């Protein structure tokens, strides 16, 4: 399998970004220099950075937990990421009011 080039990485990340926005994740940003997408629920929350593993052709986030999703499925990856945000916020008790 051939590695993914810079233009392919950007195209895959743009698709992911669009899907996240479609799912209602409003704090989404993109860096084409790195390239990566970052997302969070609110501006005060910790960011999640999503990159493309060029050799395995996957979206990668939470590297310490080895979270990945095939880059051929940006819809599925966005759904997993949006669900993760909901779970993270629920586990935190949504203590932003404190």
N, C-alpha and C. Protein backbone atom coordinates (compact mmCIF):
# COMPACT_ATOMS: atom_id res chain seq x y z
N UNK A 1 0.85 -1.18 0.00
CA UNK A 1 0.00 0.00 0.00
C UNK A 1 0.90 1.24 0.00
N UNK A 2 0.61 2.18 -0.88
CA UNK A 2 1.38 3.42 -0.97
C UNK A 2 0.98 4.40 0.12
N UNK A 3 1.98 5.17 0.55
CA UNK A 3 1.71 6.20 1.55
C UNK A 3 0.85 7.31 0.95
N UNK A 4 0.13 7.97 1.81
CA UNK A 4 -0.73 9.08 1.42
C UNK A 4 0.12 10.34 1.29
N UNK A 5 -0.07 11.08 0.21
CA UNK A 5 0.65 12.33 0.01
C UNK A 5 -0.02 13.49 0.73
N UNK A 6 0.68 14.63 0.75
CA UNK A 6 0.19 15.82 1.46
C UNK A 6 -1.18 16.26 0.95
N UNK A 7 -1.37 16.30 -0.35
CA UNK A 7 -2.67 16.73 -0.91
C UNK A 7 -3.79 15.76 -0.52
N UNK A 8 -3.50 14.47 -0.51
CA UNK A 8 -4.51 13.48 -0.10
C UNK A 8 -4.85 13.64 1.39
N UNK A 9 -3.83 13.92 2.20
CA UNK A 9 -4.07 14.14 3.63
C UNK A 9 -5.01 15.33 3.82
N UNK A 10 -4.71 16.41 3.12
CA UNK A 10 -5.55 17.61 3.25
C UNK A 10 -6.98 17.33 2.81
N UNK A 11 -7.14 16.64 1.68
CA UNK A 11 -8.49 16.34 1.18
C UNK A 11 -9.25 15.48 2.19
N UNK A 12 -8.59 14.48 2.76
CA UNK A 12 -9.25 13.61 3.75
C UNK A 12 -9.63 14.39 4.99
N UNK A 13 -8.76 15.30 5.44
CA UNK A 13 -9.05 16.09 6.63
C UNK A 13 -10.15 17.11 6.38
N UNK A 14 -10.20 17.67 5.18
CA UNK A 14 -11.30 18.59 4.83
C UNK A 14 -12.63 17.85 4.89
N UNK A 15 -12.66 16.63 4.33
CA UNK A 15 -13.90 15.83 4.38
C UNK A 15 -14.31 15.56 5.82
N UNK A 16 -13.33 15.20 6.65
CA UNK A 16 -13.63 14.93 8.06
C UNK A 16 -14.17 16.19 8.74
N UNK A 17 -13.54 17.31 8.48
CA UNK A 17 -13.95 18.58 9.07
C UNK A 17 -15.40 18.90 8.67
N UNK A 18 -15.72 18.72 7.42
CA UNK A 18 -17.08 18.97 6.93
C UNK A 18 -18.09 18.07 7.62
N UNK A 19 -17.73 16.81 7.80
CA UNK A 19 -18.65 15.86 8.46
C UNK A 19 -18.84 16.21 9.93
N UNK A 20 -17.78 16.62 10.60
CA UNK A 20 -17.91 17.02 12.00
C UNK A 20 -18.85 18.21 12.14
N UNK A 21 -18.71 19.18 11.26
CA UNK A 21 -19.60 20.35 11.28
C UNK A 21 -21.03 19.94 11.00
N UNK A 22 -21.22 19.02 10.04
CA UNK A 22 -22.56 18.53 9.71
C UNK A 22 -23.21 17.87 10.94
N UNK A 23 -22.38 17.24 11.78
CA UNK A 23 -22.89 16.58 12.99
C UNK A 23 -23.06 17.55 14.16
N UNK A 24 -22.74 18.82 13.96
CA UNK A 24 -22.98 19.80 15.00
C UNK A 24 -21.78 20.14 15.86
N UNK A 25 -20.60 19.63 15.52
CA UNK A 25 -19.39 20.00 16.26
C UNK A 25 -18.95 21.35 15.71
N UNK A 26 -19.14 22.40 16.50
CA UNK A 26 -18.93 23.75 15.98
C UNK A 26 -17.52 24.29 16.20
N UNK A 27 -16.79 23.77 17.15
CA UNK A 27 -15.43 24.23 17.41
C UNK A 27 -14.43 23.31 16.73
N UNK A 28 -14.37 23.44 15.41
CA UNK A 28 -13.50 22.62 14.58
C UNK A 28 -12.53 23.55 13.87
N UNK A 29 -11.27 23.18 13.84
CA UNK A 29 -10.27 23.98 13.14
C UNK A 29 -9.37 23.08 12.32
N UNK A 30 -8.69 23.67 11.36
CA UNK A 30 -7.83 22.88 10.50
C UNK A 30 -6.51 23.59 10.30
N UNK A 31 -5.44 22.82 10.33
CA UNK A 31 -4.10 23.33 10.04
C UNK A 31 -3.59 22.58 8.82
N UNK A 32 -3.31 23.31 7.75
CA UNK A 32 -2.79 22.62 6.56
C UNK A 32 -1.28 22.48 6.62
N UNK A 33 -0.61 23.19 7.51
CA UNK A 33 0.84 23.07 7.63
C UNK A 33 1.22 21.75 8.30
N UNK A 34 0.43 21.31 9.27
CA UNK A 34 0.78 20.11 10.03
C UNK A 34 0.50 18.84 9.26
N UNK A 35 -0.42 18.52 8.52
CA UNK A 35 -1.84 18.85 8.51
C UNK A 35 -2.61 18.09 9.60
N UNK A 36 -3.63 18.75 10.14
CA UNK A 36 -4.44 18.16 11.21
C UNK A 36 -5.74 18.92 11.35
N UNK A 37 -6.71 18.25 11.96
CA UNK A 37 -7.97 18.86 12.36
C UNK A 37 -7.98 18.87 13.88
N UNK A 38 -8.47 19.94 14.47
CA UNK A 38 -8.65 19.95 15.92
C UNK A 38 -10.11 20.25 16.21
N UNK A 39 -10.58 19.69 17.31
CA UNK A 39 -11.99 19.90 17.67
C UNK A 39 -12.11 19.91 19.18
N UNK A 40 -13.15 20.56 19.64
CA UNK A 40 -13.51 20.58 21.05
C UNK A 40 -14.95 21.05 21.15
N UNK A 41 -15.56 20.79 22.28
CA UNK A 41 -16.95 21.17 22.47
C UNK A 41 -17.08 22.67 22.68
N UNK A 42 -16.26 23.22 23.55
CA UNK A 42 -16.29 24.66 23.85
C UNK A 42 -14.86 25.18 23.85
N UNK A 43 -14.72 26.47 23.72
CA UNK A 43 -13.39 27.07 23.62
C UNK A 43 -12.51 26.79 24.83
N UNK A 44 -13.10 26.58 26.00
CA UNK A 44 -12.32 26.31 27.21
C UNK A 44 -11.93 24.84 27.34
N UNK A 45 -12.50 23.96 26.51
CA UNK A 45 -12.22 22.52 26.60
C UNK A 45 -10.89 22.17 25.94
N UNK A 46 -10.34 21.04 26.34
CA UNK A 46 -9.11 20.53 25.75
C UNK A 46 -9.39 20.08 24.32
N UNK A 47 -8.46 20.38 23.43
CA UNK A 47 -8.62 20.01 22.02
C UNK A 47 -8.28 18.54 21.78
N UNK A 48 -8.93 17.99 20.80
CA UNK A 48 -8.57 16.68 20.27
C UNK A 48 -8.00 16.94 18.89
N UNK A 49 -6.80 16.45 18.64
CA UNK A 49 -6.14 16.65 17.36
C UNK A 49 -6.23 15.35 16.55
N UNK A 50 -6.67 15.48 15.30
CA UNK A 50 -6.82 14.33 14.42
C UNK A 50 -5.86 14.53 13.25
N UNK A 51 -5.07 13.49 12.99
CA UNK A 51 -4.12 13.51 11.89
C UNK A 51 -4.36 12.30 11.00
N UNK A 52 -3.65 12.23 9.88
CA UNK A 52 -3.71 11.07 9.00
C UNK A 52 -2.41 10.29 9.16
N UNK A 53 -2.53 9.01 9.46
CA UNK A 53 -1.36 8.12 9.46
C UNK A 53 -1.14 7.75 7.99
N UNK A 54 -0.09 8.30 7.42
CA UNK A 54 0.12 8.17 5.97
C UNK A 54 0.43 6.75 5.53
N UNK A 55 1.03 5.95 6.39
CA UNK A 55 1.37 4.58 5.98
C UNK A 55 0.19 3.63 6.12
N UNK A 56 -0.68 3.87 7.11
CA UNK A 56 -1.82 2.98 7.32
C UNK A 56 -3.12 3.51 6.75
N UNK A 57 -3.08 4.74 6.19
CA UNK A 57 -4.25 5.36 5.57
C UNK A 57 -5.43 5.43 6.54
N UNK A 58 -5.14 5.93 7.76
CA UNK A 58 -6.18 6.05 8.78
C UNK A 58 -6.15 7.44 9.40
N UNK A 59 -7.31 7.86 9.92
CA UNK A 59 -7.36 9.02 10.81
C UNK A 59 -6.86 8.51 12.16
N UNK A 60 -6.08 9.32 12.85
CA UNK A 60 -5.54 8.93 14.16
C UNK A 60 -5.81 10.04 15.16
N UNK A 61 -6.29 9.67 16.34
CA UNK A 61 -6.45 10.61 17.45
C UNK A 61 -6.21 9.84 18.73
N UNK A 62 -5.98 10.56 19.78
CA UNK A 62 -5.71 9.93 21.09
C UNK A 62 -4.66 8.83 20.94
N UNK A 63 -3.51 9.23 20.46
CA UNK A 63 -2.46 8.26 20.15
C UNK A 63 -2.15 7.29 21.29
N UNK A 64 -2.27 7.78 22.53
CA UNK A 64 -1.98 6.89 23.65
C UNK A 64 -2.98 5.74 23.76
N UNK A 65 -4.16 5.91 23.20
CA UNK A 65 -5.18 4.85 23.22
C UNK A 65 -5.30 4.17 21.86
N UNK A 66 -4.48 4.59 20.91
CA UNK A 66 -4.46 3.99 19.57
C UNK A 66 -5.81 4.05 18.87
N UNK A 67 -6.48 5.18 18.98
CA UNK A 67 -7.77 5.35 18.31
C UNK A 67 -7.52 5.68 16.84
N UNK A 68 -8.12 4.90 15.96
CA UNK A 68 -7.96 5.06 14.52
C UNK A 68 -9.27 4.74 13.82
N UNK A 69 -9.36 5.26 12.59
CA UNK A 69 -10.50 4.93 11.73
C UNK A 69 -10.03 5.11 10.29
N UNK A 70 -10.43 4.22 9.42
CA UNK A 70 -9.98 4.30 8.03
C UNK A 70 -10.32 5.65 7.41
N UNK A 71 -9.37 6.21 6.67
CA UNK A 71 -9.61 7.52 6.08
C UNK A 71 -10.56 7.46 4.90
N UNK A 72 -10.91 6.26 4.46
CA UNK A 72 -11.89 6.10 3.38
C UNK A 72 -13.32 6.27 3.87
N UNK A 73 -13.49 6.47 5.17
CA UNK A 73 -14.82 6.60 5.78
C UNK A 73 -14.88 7.83 6.70
N UNK A 74 -14.85 9.04 6.11
CA UNK A 74 -14.91 10.24 6.97
C UNK A 74 -16.22 10.37 7.73
N UNK A 75 -17.31 9.84 7.19
CA UNK A 75 -18.60 9.90 7.88
C UNK A 75 -18.54 9.08 9.17
N UNK A 76 -18.02 7.87 9.08
CA UNK A 76 -17.89 7.01 10.26
C UNK A 76 -16.91 7.57 11.27
N UNK A 77 -15.80 8.12 10.79
CA UNK A 77 -14.81 8.71 11.70
C UNK A 77 -15.41 9.90 12.44
N UNK A 78 -16.14 10.74 11.72
CA UNK A 78 -16.77 11.91 12.35
C UNK A 78 -17.79 11.48 13.40
N UNK A 79 -18.55 10.44 13.11
CA UNK A 79 -19.54 9.94 14.08
C UNK A 79 -18.85 9.45 15.34
N UNK A 80 -17.75 8.71 15.19
CA UNK A 80 -17.00 8.22 16.36
C UNK A 80 -16.45 9.38 17.18
N UNK A 81 -15.91 10.38 16.49
CA UNK A 81 -15.34 11.54 17.18
C UNK A 81 -16.41 12.36 17.90
N UNK A 82 -17.55 12.56 17.27
CA UNK A 82 -18.65 13.30 17.90
C UNK A 82 -19.15 12.54 19.13
N UNK A 83 -19.26 11.21 19.02
CA UNK A 83 -19.66 10.40 20.18
C UNK A 83 -18.64 10.51 21.30
N UNK A 84 -17.36 10.50 20.94
CA UNK A 84 -16.31 10.62 21.95
C UNK A 84 -16.44 11.95 22.71
N UNK A 85 -16.71 13.03 21.99
CA UNK A 85 -16.88 14.32 22.65
C UNK A 85 -18.03 14.28 23.64
N UNK A 86 -19.14 13.67 23.25
CA UNK A 86 -20.31 13.57 24.15
C UNK A 86 -19.95 12.78 25.40
N UNK A 87 -19.26 11.66 25.22
CA UNK A 87 -18.87 10.83 26.37
C UNK A 87 -17.89 11.57 27.27
N UNK A 88 -16.93 12.24 26.66
CA UNK A 88 -15.95 12.98 27.45
C UNK A 88 -16.63 14.06 28.28
N UNK A 89 -17.57 14.77 27.69
CA UNK A 89 -18.29 15.82 28.40
C UNK A 89 -19.15 15.24 29.51
N UNK A 90 -19.77 14.10 29.26
CA UNK A 90 -20.60 13.46 30.29
C UNK A 90 -19.73 12.98 31.46
N UNK A 91 -18.57 12.40 31.14
CA UNK A 91 -17.66 11.93 32.19
C UNK A 91 -17.11 13.08 33.02
N UNK A 92 -16.94 14.23 32.41
CA UNK A 92 -16.42 15.40 33.13
C UNK A 92 -17.51 16.02 33.98
N UNK A 93 -18.74 15.54 33.84
CA UNK A 93 -19.84 16.10 34.60
C UNK A 93 -20.23 17.47 34.10
N UNK A 94 -19.70 17.80 32.94
CA UNK A 94 -19.95 19.11 32.34
C UNK A 94 -19.78 20.20 33.40
N UNK A 95 -18.65 20.13 34.11
CA UNK A 95 -18.37 21.04 35.23
C UNK A 95 -17.99 22.44 34.81
N UNK A 96 -18.38 22.87 33.63
CA UNK A 96 -18.06 24.22 33.19
C UNK A 96 -18.82 25.28 33.96
N UNK A 97 -19.90 24.88 34.65
CA UNK A 97 -20.70 25.84 35.40
C UNK A 97 -20.08 26.16 36.75
N UNK A 98 -19.17 25.32 37.20
CA UNK A 98 -18.61 25.48 38.55
C UNK A 98 -17.71 26.68 38.69
